[in-house]
């Protein structure tokens, strides 16, 4: 078995925290807006579903844009 020293472990943790998932952020914001939309139209389930779908779409677009900017 290999032994990780403190510097390698700290570097690994820094790399993990550098990644931001915009899909998760989009989903959470989408749920919030979806609840509001569902309350307005008196159909909470459909509002949440629409909110999640839009949130995932926006989050995926932001992730794609971030990865394209990283590769340049």
N, C-alpha and C. Protein backbone atom coordinates (compact mmCIF):
# COMPACT_ATOMS: atom_id res chain seq x y z
N UNK A 1 0.82 -1.18 0.00
CA UNK A 1 0.00 0.00 0.00
C UNK A 1 0.87 1.25 0.00
N UNK A 2 0.41 2.24 -0.73
CA UNK A 2 1.13 3.51 -0.75
C UNK A 2 0.67 4.40 0.39
N UNK A 3 1.57 5.25 0.80
CA UNK A 3 1.25 6.16 1.89
C UNK A 3 1.15 7.57 1.32
N UNK A 4 0.05 8.24 1.60
CA UNK A 4 -0.12 9.63 1.18
C UNK A 4 0.44 10.54 2.25
N UNK A 5 1.27 11.45 1.81
CA UNK A 5 1.73 12.41 2.80
C UNK A 5 0.76 13.57 2.88
N UNK A 6 0.95 14.44 3.82
CA UNK A 6 0.02 15.53 4.10
C UNK A 6 -0.11 16.47 2.90
N UNK A 7 0.98 16.74 2.18
CA UNK A 7 0.95 17.66 1.04
C UNK A 7 0.10 17.11 -0.10
N UNK A 8 0.24 15.83 -0.39
CA UNK A 8 -0.56 15.23 -1.46
C UNK A 8 -2.04 15.24 -1.12
N UNK A 9 -2.37 14.95 0.13
CA UNK A 9 -3.76 14.92 0.54
C UNK A 9 -4.37 16.32 0.46
N UNK A 10 -3.61 17.32 0.88
CA UNK A 10 -4.11 18.70 0.84
C UNK A 10 -4.30 19.13 -0.62
N UNK A 11 -3.38 18.79 -1.50
CA UNK A 11 -3.49 19.15 -2.91
C UNK A 11 -4.72 18.50 -3.53
N UNK A 12 -4.97 17.24 -3.19
CA UNK A 12 -6.13 16.52 -3.72
C UNK A 12 -7.43 17.19 -3.27
N UNK A 13 -7.50 17.60 -2.01
CA UNK A 13 -8.71 18.26 -1.50
C UNK A 13 -8.93 19.60 -2.18
N UNK A 14 -7.87 20.33 -2.47
CA UNK A 14 -8.01 21.62 -3.14
C UNK A 14 -8.55 21.45 -4.55
N UNK A 15 -8.13 20.38 -5.24
CA UNK A 15 -8.61 20.13 -6.60
C UNK A 15 -10.10 19.79 -6.59
N UNK A 16 -10.55 19.06 -5.58
CA UNK A 16 -11.97 18.70 -5.51
C UNK A 16 -12.84 19.92 -5.26
N UNK A 17 -12.40 20.82 -4.42
CA UNK A 17 -13.22 21.99 -4.10
C UNK A 17 -13.20 23.01 -5.22
N UNK A 18 -12.26 22.90 -6.15
CA UNK A 18 -12.18 23.84 -7.26
C UNK A 18 -13.30 23.59 -8.27
N UNK A 19 -13.78 22.37 -8.36
CA UNK A 19 -14.84 22.04 -9.30
C UNK A 19 -16.19 22.49 -8.76
N UNK A 20 -16.90 23.23 -9.53
CA UNK A 20 -18.24 23.68 -9.16
C UNK A 20 -19.23 23.08 -10.15
N UNK A 21 -20.25 22.45 -9.62
CA UNK A 21 -21.28 21.87 -10.48
C UNK A 21 -22.42 22.86 -10.62
N UNK A 22 -22.55 23.42 -11.79
CA UNK A 22 -23.63 24.36 -12.02
C UNK A 22 -24.96 23.64 -12.22
N UNK A 23 -24.90 22.34 -12.51
CA UNK A 23 -26.15 21.58 -12.65
C UNK A 23 -26.86 21.52 -11.30
N UNK A 24 -26.12 21.26 -10.24
CA UNK A 24 -26.72 21.22 -8.90
C UNK A 24 -27.27 22.59 -8.52
N UNK A 25 -26.53 23.63 -8.83
CA UNK A 25 -27.00 24.98 -8.54
C UNK A 25 -28.26 25.30 -9.34
N UNK A 26 -28.26 24.92 -10.60
CA UNK A 26 -29.43 25.14 -11.45
C UNK A 26 -30.65 24.39 -10.96
N UNK A 27 -30.44 23.15 -10.50
CA UNK A 27 -31.56 22.37 -9.98
C UNK A 27 -32.15 23.01 -8.73
N UNK A 28 -31.29 23.45 -7.83
CA UNK A 28 -31.82 24.03 -6.60
C UNK A 28 -32.57 25.33 -6.88
N UNK A 29 -32.04 26.16 -7.75
CA UNK A 29 -32.75 27.38 -8.11
C UNK A 29 -34.01 27.08 -8.91
N UNK A 30 -33.93 26.06 -9.75
CA UNK A 30 -35.09 25.65 -10.54
C UNK A 30 -36.23 25.16 -9.67
N UNK A 31 -35.91 24.41 -8.63
CA UNK A 31 -36.94 23.94 -7.71
C UNK A 31 -37.62 25.14 -7.03
N UNK A 32 -36.81 26.11 -6.63
CA UNK A 32 -37.37 27.30 -5.98
C UNK A 32 -38.34 28.03 -6.90
N UNK A 33 -37.90 28.27 -8.13
CA UNK A 33 -38.77 28.94 -9.09
C UNK A 33 -39.96 28.06 -9.49
N UNK A 34 -39.73 26.75 -9.53
CA UNK A 34 -40.80 25.83 -9.87
C UNK A 34 -41.89 25.81 -8.83
N UNK A 35 -41.52 25.89 -7.55
CA UNK A 35 -42.52 25.94 -6.49
C UNK A 35 -43.37 27.19 -6.64
N UNK A 36 -42.70 28.32 -6.89
CA UNK A 36 -43.44 29.57 -7.08
C UNK A 36 -44.38 29.47 -8.28
N UNK A 37 -43.86 28.90 -9.36
CA UNK A 37 -44.68 28.73 -10.57
C UNK A 37 -45.85 27.79 -10.30
N UNK A 38 -45.59 26.71 -9.57
CA UNK A 38 -46.64 25.76 -9.25
C UNK A 38 -47.72 26.35 -8.36
N UNK A 39 -47.31 27.22 -7.44
CA UNK A 39 -48.31 27.86 -6.59
C UNK A 39 -49.18 28.84 -7.37
N UNK A 40 -48.56 29.53 -8.33
CA UNK A 40 -49.32 30.48 -9.14
C UNK A 40 -50.37 29.75 -9.98
N UNK A 41 -49.98 28.64 -10.58
CA UNK A 41 -50.90 27.90 -11.45
C UNK A 41 -51.64 26.78 -10.73
N UNK A 42 -51.49 26.71 -9.40
CA UNK A 42 -52.19 25.74 -8.58
C UNK A 42 -51.91 24.29 -8.99
N UNK A 43 -50.67 24.03 -9.40
CA UNK A 43 -50.25 22.68 -9.75
C UNK A 43 -48.77 22.55 -9.38
N UNK A 44 -48.51 22.23 -8.12
CA UNK A 44 -47.16 22.23 -7.58
C UNK A 44 -46.25 21.21 -8.27
N UNK A 45 -46.75 20.03 -8.53
CA UNK A 45 -45.93 18.97 -9.13
C UNK A 45 -45.41 19.38 -10.51
N UNK A 46 -46.27 19.93 -11.33
CA UNK A 46 -45.86 20.35 -12.68
C UNK A 46 -44.89 21.52 -12.59
N UNK A 47 -45.13 22.44 -11.68
CA UNK A 47 -44.23 23.57 -11.51
C UNK A 47 -42.83 23.14 -11.11
N UNK A 48 -42.74 22.21 -10.16
CA UNK A 48 -41.42 21.71 -9.74
C UNK A 48 -40.73 20.98 -10.89
N UNK A 49 -41.47 20.17 -11.63
CA UNK A 49 -40.89 19.44 -12.76
C UNK A 49 -40.34 20.40 -13.81
N UNK A 50 -41.10 21.43 -14.12
CA UNK A 50 -40.63 22.43 -15.09
C UNK A 50 -39.42 23.16 -14.55
N UNK A 51 -39.44 23.51 -13.27
CA UNK A 51 -38.31 24.20 -12.66
C UNK A 51 -37.03 23.38 -12.69
N UNK A 52 -37.15 22.10 -12.36
CA UNK A 52 -35.97 21.22 -12.38
C UNK A 52 -35.44 21.08 -13.81
N UNK A 53 -36.33 20.89 -14.76
CA UNK A 53 -35.90 20.74 -16.15
C UNK A 53 -35.16 21.99 -16.64
N UNK A 54 -35.73 23.15 -16.35
CA UNK A 54 -35.06 24.38 -16.76
C UNK A 54 -33.74 24.59 -16.01
N UNK A 55 -33.73 24.24 -14.74
CA UNK A 55 -32.51 24.38 -13.95
C UNK A 55 -31.39 23.49 -14.44
N UNK A 56 -31.72 22.25 -14.77
CA UNK A 56 -30.70 21.33 -15.30
C UNK A 56 -30.19 21.83 -16.65
N UNK A 57 -31.09 22.33 -17.48
CA UNK A 57 -30.67 22.83 -18.80
C UNK A 57 -29.74 24.03 -18.66
N UNK A 58 -30.11 24.96 -17.81
CA UNK A 58 -29.26 26.15 -17.61
C UNK A 58 -27.93 25.75 -16.97
N UNK A 59 -27.97 24.86 -15.97
CA UNK A 59 -26.75 24.40 -15.32
C UNK A 59 -25.82 23.66 -16.26
N UNK A 60 -26.37 22.82 -17.12
CA UNK A 60 -25.55 22.09 -18.09
C UNK A 60 -24.90 23.06 -19.08
N UNK A 61 -25.65 24.07 -19.49
CA UNK A 61 -25.08 25.07 -20.39
C UNK A 61 -23.94 25.83 -19.73
N UNK A 62 -24.10 26.16 -18.45
CA UNK A 62 -23.03 26.87 -17.74
C UNK A 62 -21.81 25.97 -17.55
N UNK A 63 -22.03 24.67 -17.25
CA UNK A 63 -20.91 23.73 -17.13
C UNK A 63 -20.18 23.60 -18.46
N UNK A 64 -20.93 23.54 -19.55
CA UNK A 64 -20.32 23.42 -20.87
C UNK A 64 -19.49 24.66 -21.20
N UNK A 65 -20.03 25.80 -20.88
CA UNK A 65 -19.31 27.06 -21.13
C UNK A 65 -18.03 27.12 -20.31
N UNK A 66 -18.11 26.65 -19.04
CA UNK A 66 -16.93 26.65 -18.17
C UNK A 66 -15.85 25.73 -18.72
N UNK A 67 -16.24 24.54 -19.20
CA UNK A 67 -15.25 23.60 -19.72
C UNK A 67 -14.63 24.10 -21.02
N UNK A 68 -15.40 24.82 -21.84
CA UNK A 68 -14.83 25.39 -23.05
C UNK A 68 -13.83 26.48 -22.73
N UNK A 69 -14.12 27.30 -21.71
CA UNK A 69 -13.19 28.35 -21.31
C UNK A 69 -11.93 27.78 -20.69
N UNK A 70 -12.03 26.62 -19.99
CA UNK A 70 -10.86 25.99 -19.40
C UNK A 70 -9.93 25.45 -20.48
N UNK A 71 -10.48 24.94 -21.57
CA UNK A 71 -9.67 24.30 -22.60
C UNK A 71 -8.92 25.32 -23.47
N UNK A 72 -9.32 26.55 -23.41
CA UNK A 72 -8.65 27.58 -24.23
C UNK A 72 -7.34 27.99 -23.66
